[in-house]
Amino acid sequence: MATVRPARPGEEASLTALCLRSKAHWGYDAEFMRLCVPSLTVEERSIAEGRVLVATDETGQTVGTVSVGRNGDDAELALMFVEPTAMGGGTGRLLFEAAVGLARKLGYPRMTILADVNAARFYERMGARFLRNEPSDAIPGRVLPFYEYDLTSGASS
């Protein structure tokens, strides 16, 4: 079973690489992946602010990461990625619940999620509500499902 801890200074590059491996798992081509790099980069500042969490397996290997940002008055699920070999094993749920806890601790009433189309059903299972399609933050002309998660309810899912 995975556990979650705060990201540590110096993990930016390895967490960014994890995000890119996870995104590439869905078969996107090299140009698509190149365009995604800026939006999939884990920032040192976010780690220093305590907004990045890491999931590790029983051996201590990193198997996922999540980042909570700010979107106006709401939290934003800025990044959430799981190692392809760990997908389907509960790591995503664990990370999502940890992100919900962090966003609540930071005092946000809602969390927004600009989801990859391959992750949309996951967020719906977690209890996020589809609002509309929004432009991609990485790929010109692409639209992505945009969700909202109510942080004022008692449960995370």
C-alpha atoms as a PDB file:
ATOM      1  CA  MET A   1       0.000   0.000   0.000  1.00  0.00           C
ATOM      2  CA  ALA A   2       1.295   3.443  -0.923  1.00  0.00           C
ATOM      3  CA  THR A   3       1.770   6.246   1.572  1.00  0.00           C
ATOM      4  CA  VAL A   4       1.811   9.991   0.970  1.00  0.00           C
ATOM      5  CA  ARG A   5       4.399  12.507   2.147  1.00  0.00           C
ATOM      6  CA  PRO A   6       5.308  16.089   1.287  1.00  0.00           C
ATOM      7  CA  ALA A   7       7.678  16.460  -1.658  1.00  0.00           C
ATOM      8  CA  ARG A   8      11.247  17.331  -0.743  1.00  0.00           C
ATOM      9  CA  PRO A   9      13.490  20.039  -2.176  1.00  0.00           C
ATOM     10  CA  GLY A  10      15.512  18.604  -5.038  1.00  0.00           C
ATOM     11  CA  GLU A  11      12.776  16.226  -6.243  1.00  0.00           C
ATOM     12  CA  GLU A  12      11.535  18.573  -8.977  1.00  0.00           C
ATOM     13  CA  ALA A  13      13.280  16.801 -11.862  1.00  0.00           C
ATOM     14  CA  SER A  14      12.334  13.266 -10.825  1.00  0.00           C
ATOM     15  CA  LEU A  15       8.707  14.263 -10.201  1.00  0.00           C
ATOM     16  CA  THR A  16       8.530  16.077 -13.543  1.00  0.00           C
ATOM     17  CA  ALA A  17       9.912  12.942 -15.232  1.00  0.00           C
ATOM     18  CA  LEU A  18       7.215  10.880 -13.488  1.00  0.00           C
ATOM     19  CA  CYS A  19       4.516  13.273 -14.782  1.00  0.00           C
ATOM     20  CA  LEU A  20       5.851  12.942 -18.322  1.00  0.00           C
ATOM     21  CA  ARG A  21       6.039   9.109 -18.143  1.00  0.00           C
ATOM     22  CA  SER A  22       2.502   8.972 -16.841  1.00  0.00           C
ATOM     23  CA  LYS A  23       1.161  11.284 -19.570  1.00  0.00           C
ATOM     24  CA  ALA A  24       3.070   9.396 -22.295  1.00  0.00           C
ATOM     25  CA  HIS A  25       1.440   6.160 -21.112  1.00  0.00           C
ATOM     26  CA  TRP A  26      -1.687   7.210 -23.028  1.00  0.00           C
ATOM     27  CA  GLY A  27       0.110   7.054 -26.382  1.00  0.00           C
ATOM     28  CA  TYR A  28       0.580  10.725 -27.120  1.00  0.00           C
ATOM     29  CA  ASP A  29       3.127  11.506 -29.830  1.00  0.00           C
ATOM     30  CA  ALA A  30       6.483  13.251 -29.330  1.00  0.00           C
ATOM     31  CA  GLU A  31       5.243  16.701 -30.428  1.00  0.00           C
ATOM     32  CA  PHE A  32       2.262  16.522 -28.069  1.00  0.00           C
ATOM     33  CA  MET A  33       4.561  15.535 -25.211  1.00  0.00           C
ATOM     34  CA  ARG A  34       6.993  18.347 -26.050  1.00  0.00           C
ATOM     35  CA  LEU A  35       4.172  20.872 -25.820  1.00  0.00           C
ATOM     36  CA  CYS A  36       3.119  19.423 -22.439  1.00  0.00           C
ATOM     37  CA  VAL A  37       6.488  19.867 -20.732  1.00  0.00           C
ATOM     38  CA  PRO A  38       5.830  23.377 -19.306  1.00  0.00           C
ATOM     39  CA  SER A  39       2.458  22.398 -17.815  1.00  0.00           C
ATOM     40  CA  LEU A  40       3.834  19.122 -16.404  1.00  0.00           C
ATOM     41  CA  THR A  41       6.882  20.627 -14.718  1.00  0.00           C
ATOM     42  CA  VAL A  42       6.950  20.394 -10.929  1.00  0.00           C
ATOM     43  CA  GLU A  43       8.196  23.721  -9.590  1.00  0.00           C
ATOM     44  CA  GLU A  44      10.664  24.170  -6.749  1.00  0.00           C
ATOM     45  CA  ARG A  45       8.495  27.006  -5.413  1.00  0.00           C
ATOM     46  CA  SER A  46       5.443  24.716  -5.135  1.00  0.00           C
ATOM     47  CA  ILE A  47       7.485  22.178  -3.190  1.00  0.00           C
ATOM     48  CA  ALA A  48       8.819  24.899  -0.876  1.00  0.00           C
ATOM     49  CA  GLU A  49       5.246  26.108  -0.267  1.00  0.00           C
ATOM     50  CA  GLY A  50       4.177  22.584   0.741  1.00  0.00           C
ATOM     51  CA  ARG A  51       1.788  22.233  -2.206  1.00  0.00           C
ATOM     52  CA  VAL A  52       3.313  19.064  -3.721  1.00  0.00           C
ATOM     53  CA  LEU A  53       2.766  15.600  -2.296  1.00  0.00           C
ATOM     54  CA  VAL A  54       4.425  12.316  -3.225  1.00  0.00           C
ATOM     55  CA  ALA A  55       3.104   8.754  -3.026  1.00  0.00           C
ATOM     56  CA  THR A  56       5.660   6.050  -2.279  1.00  0.00           C
ATOM     57  CA  ASP A  57       5.251   2.288  -2.297  1.00  0.00           C
ATOM     58  CA  GLU A  58       6.270  -0.116   0.474  1.00  0.00           C
ATOM     59  CA  THR A  59       9.887  -0.056  -0.786  1.00  0.00           C
ATOM     60  CA  GLY A  60      10.065   3.754  -0.706  1.00  0.00           C
ATOM     61  CA  GLN A  61       9.907   4.124  -4.511  1.00  0.00           C
ATOM     62  CA  THR A  62       7.987   7.157  -5.768  1.00  0.00           C
ATOM     63  CA  VAL A  63       4.810   6.003  -7.523  1.00  0.00           C
ATOM     64  CA  GLY A  64       2.853   9.236  -7.880  1.00  0.00           C
ATOM     65  CA  THR A  65       2.638  12.947  -7.258  1.00  0.00           C
ATOM     66  CA  VAL A  66      -0.022  15.601  -6.852  1.00  0.00           C
ATOM     67  CA  SER A  67       0.150  19.386  -6.610  1.00  0.00           C
ATOM     68  CA  VAL A  68      -2.452  21.791  -5.272  1.00  0.00           C
ATOM     69  CA  GLY A  69      -2.347  25.252  -6.779  1.00  0.00           C
ATOM     70  CA  ARG A  70      -4.601  28.280  -6.676  1.00  0.00           C
ATOM     71  CA  ASN A  71      -7.323  29.233  -9.155  1.00  0.00           C
ATOM     72  CA  GLY A  72      -8.765  32.532  -7.921  1.00  0.00           C
ATOM     73  CA  ASP A  73     -10.534  31.769  -4.654  1.00  0.00           C
ATOM     74  CA  ASP A  74     -10.417  28.029  -5.299  1.00  0.00           C
ATOM     75  CA  ALA A  75      -7.782  25.345  -5.095  1.00  0.00           C
ATOM     76  CA  GLU A  76      -6.637  23.860  -8.372  1.00  0.00           C
ATOM     77  CA  LEU A  77      -5.551  20.271  -8.804  1.00  0.00           C
ATOM     78  CA  ALA A  78      -2.494  21.477 -10.704  1.00  0.00           C
ATOM     79  CA  LEU A  79      -0.826  18.098 -11.309  1.00  0.00           C
ATOM     80  CA  MET A  80      -1.774  14.544 -10.469  1.00  0.00           C
ATOM     81  CA  PHE A  81       0.147  11.661 -12.001  1.00  0.00           C
ATOM     82  CA  VAL A  82       0.776   8.015 -11.186  1.00  0.00           C
ATOM     83  CA  GLU A  83       3.580   5.792 -12.480  1.00  0.00           C
ATOM     84  CA  PRO A  84       2.121   3.643 -15.265  1.00  0.00           C
ATOM     85  CA  THR A  85       3.150   0.468 -13.408  1.00  0.00           C
ATOM     86  CA  ALA A  86       1.148   1.620 -10.362  1.00  0.00           C
ATOM     87  CA  MET A  87      -2.035   2.622 -12.213  1.00  0.00           C
ATOM     88  CA  GLY A  88      -5.158   0.822 -11.073  1.00  0.00           C
ATOM     89  CA  GLY A  89      -3.733  -0.008  -7.651  1.00  0.00           C
ATOM     90  CA  GLY A  90      -5.303   2.738  -5.548  1.00  0.00           C
ATOM     91  CA  THR A  91      -2.465   5.268  -5.735  1.00  0.00           C
ATOM     92  CA  GLY A  92      -4.588   7.768  -7.662  1.00  0.00           C
ATOM     93  CA  ARG A  93      -7.362   7.613  -5.083  1.00  0.00           C
ATOM     94  CA  LEU A  94      -4.842   8.020  -2.267  1.00  0.00           C
ATOM     95  CA  LEU A  95      -3.268  11.053  -3.956  1.00  0.00           C
ATOM     96  CA  PHE A  96      -6.648  12.617  -4.720  1.00  0.00           C
ATOM     97  CA  GLU A  97      -7.755  12.219  -1.100  1.00  0.00           C
ATOM     98  CA  ALA A  98      -4.469  13.727   0.073  1.00  0.00           C
ATOM     99  CA  ALA A  99      -4.929  16.688  -2.303  1.00  0.00           C
ATOM    100  CA  VAL A 100      -8.461  17.202  -0.975  1.00  0.00           C
ATOM    101  CA  GLY A 101      -7.094  17.198   2.575  1.00  0.00           C
ATOM    102  CA  LEU A 102      -4.367  19.685   1.690  1.00  0.00           C
ATOM    103  CA  ALA A 103      -6.783  21.999  -0.130  1.00  0.00           C
ATOM    104  CA  ARG A 104      -9.133  21.926   2.864  1.00  0.00           C
ATOM    105  CA  LYS A 105      -6.232  22.639   5.233  1.00  0.00           C
ATOM    106  CA  LEU A 106      -5.338  25.643   3.064  1.00  0.00           C
ATOM    107  CA  GLY A 107      -8.924  26.894   3.491  1.00  0.00           C
ATOM    108  CA  TYR A 108     -10.281  26.543  -0.020  1.00  0.00           C
ATOM    109  CA  PRO A 109     -14.034  25.897  -0.529  1.00  0.00           C
ATOM    110  CA  ARG A 110     -13.658  24.203  -3.923  1.00  0.00           C
ATOM    111  CA  MET A 111     -11.036  22.558  -6.058  1.00  0.00           C
ATOM    112  CA  THR A 112     -11.033  22.871  -9.834  1.00  0.00           C
ATOM    113  CA  ILE A 113      -9.629  20.207 -12.127  1.00  0.00           C
ATOM    114  CA  LEU A 114      -8.670  20.597 -15.780  1.00  0.00           C
ATOM    115  CA  ALA A 115      -8.552  16.902 -16.598  1.00  0.00           C
ATOM    116  CA  ASP A 116      -6.953  14.902 -19.351  1.00  0.00           C
ATOM    117  CA  VAL A 117      -9.694  13.061 -21.233  1.00  0.00           C
ATOM    118  CA  ASN A 118      -8.166   9.764 -20.070  1.00  0.00           C
ATOM    119  CA  ALA A 119      -8.603  10.787 -16.416  1.00  0.00           C
ATOM    120  CA  ALA A 120     -12.128  12.212 -16.651  1.00  0.00           C
ATOM    121  CA  ARG A 121     -13.905   9.066 -15.456  1.00  0.00           C
ATOM    122  CA  PHE A 122     -11.510   8.793 -12.499  1.00  0.00           C
ATOM    123  CA  TYR A 123     -12.381  12.309 -11.303  1.00  0.00           C
ATOM    124  CA  GLU A 124     -16.076  11.599 -11.723  1.00  0.00           C
ATOM    125  CA  ARG A 125     -15.677   8.478  -9.546  1.00  0.00           C
ATOM    126  CA  MET A 126     -13.955  10.664  -6.943  1.00  0.00           C
ATOM    127  CA  GLY A 127     -17.036  12.891  -6.837  1.00  0.00           C
ATOM    128  CA  ALA A 128     -15.945  15.793  -9.027  1.00  0.00           C
ATOM    129  CA  ARG A 129     -18.715  17.484 -10.987  1.00  0.00           C
ATOM    130  CA  PHE A 130     -18.240  18.232 -14.697  1.00  0.00           C
ATOM    131  CA  LEU A 131     -18.787  21.925 -15.413  1.00  0.00           C
ATOM    132  CA  ARG A 132     -17.775  22.450 -19.042  1.00  0.00           C
ATOM    133  CA  ASN A 133     -14.976  21.974 -21.540  1.00  0.00           C
ATOM    134  CA  GLU A 134     -12.065  24.414 -21.303  1.00  0.00           C
ATOM    135  CA  PRO A 135      -9.058  25.111 -23.528  1.00  0.00           C
ATOM    136  CA  SER A 136      -6.012  22.973 -22.817  1.00  0.00           C
ATOM    137  CA  ASP A 137      -3.228  24.647 -20.862  1.00  0.00           C
ATOM    138  CA  ALA A 138      -0.672  22.991 -23.160  1.00  0.00           C
ATOM    139  CA  ILE A 139      -2.068  22.107 -26.575  1.00  0.00           C
ATOM    140  CA  PRO A 140      -3.488  24.897 -28.783  1.00  0.00           C
ATOM    141  CA  GLY A 141      -6.968  24.071 -30.085  1.00  0.00           C
ATOM    142  CA  ARG A 142      -7.509  21.155 -27.693  1.00  0.00           C
ATOM    143  CA  VAL A 143     -10.329  21.240 -25.154  1.00  0.00           C
ATOM    144  CA  LEU A 144     -10.410  19.314 -21.898  1.00  0.00           C
ATOM    145  CA  PRO A 145     -13.105  18.504 -19.352  1.00  0.00           C
ATOM    146  CA  PHE A 146     -13.183  20.982 -16.471  1.00  0.00           C
ATOM    147  CA  TYR A 147     -14.433  19.797 -13.079  1.00  0.00           C
ATOM    148  CA  GLU A 148     -15.226  21.178  -9.662  1.00  0.00           C
ATOM    149  CA  TYR A 149     -14.913  19.343  -6.369  1.00  0.00           C
ATOM    150  CA  ASP A 150     -16.761  20.652  -3.300  1.00  0.00           C
ATOM    151  CA  LEU A 151     -14.328  20.786  -0.368  1.00  0.00           C
ATOM    152  CA  THR A 152     -17.001  21.777   2.157  1.00  0.00           C
ATOM    153  CA  SER A 153     -18.546  18.304   2.299  1.00  0.00           C
ATOM    154  CA  GLY A 154     -17.223  15.904   4.921  1.00  0.00           C
ATOM    155  CA  ALA A 155     -15.992  13.093   2.693  1.00  0.00           C
ATOM    156  CA  SER A 156     -13.406  13.143  -0.061  1.00  0.00           C
ATOM    157  CA  SER A 157     -15.379  10.833  -2.328  1.00  0.00           C
END
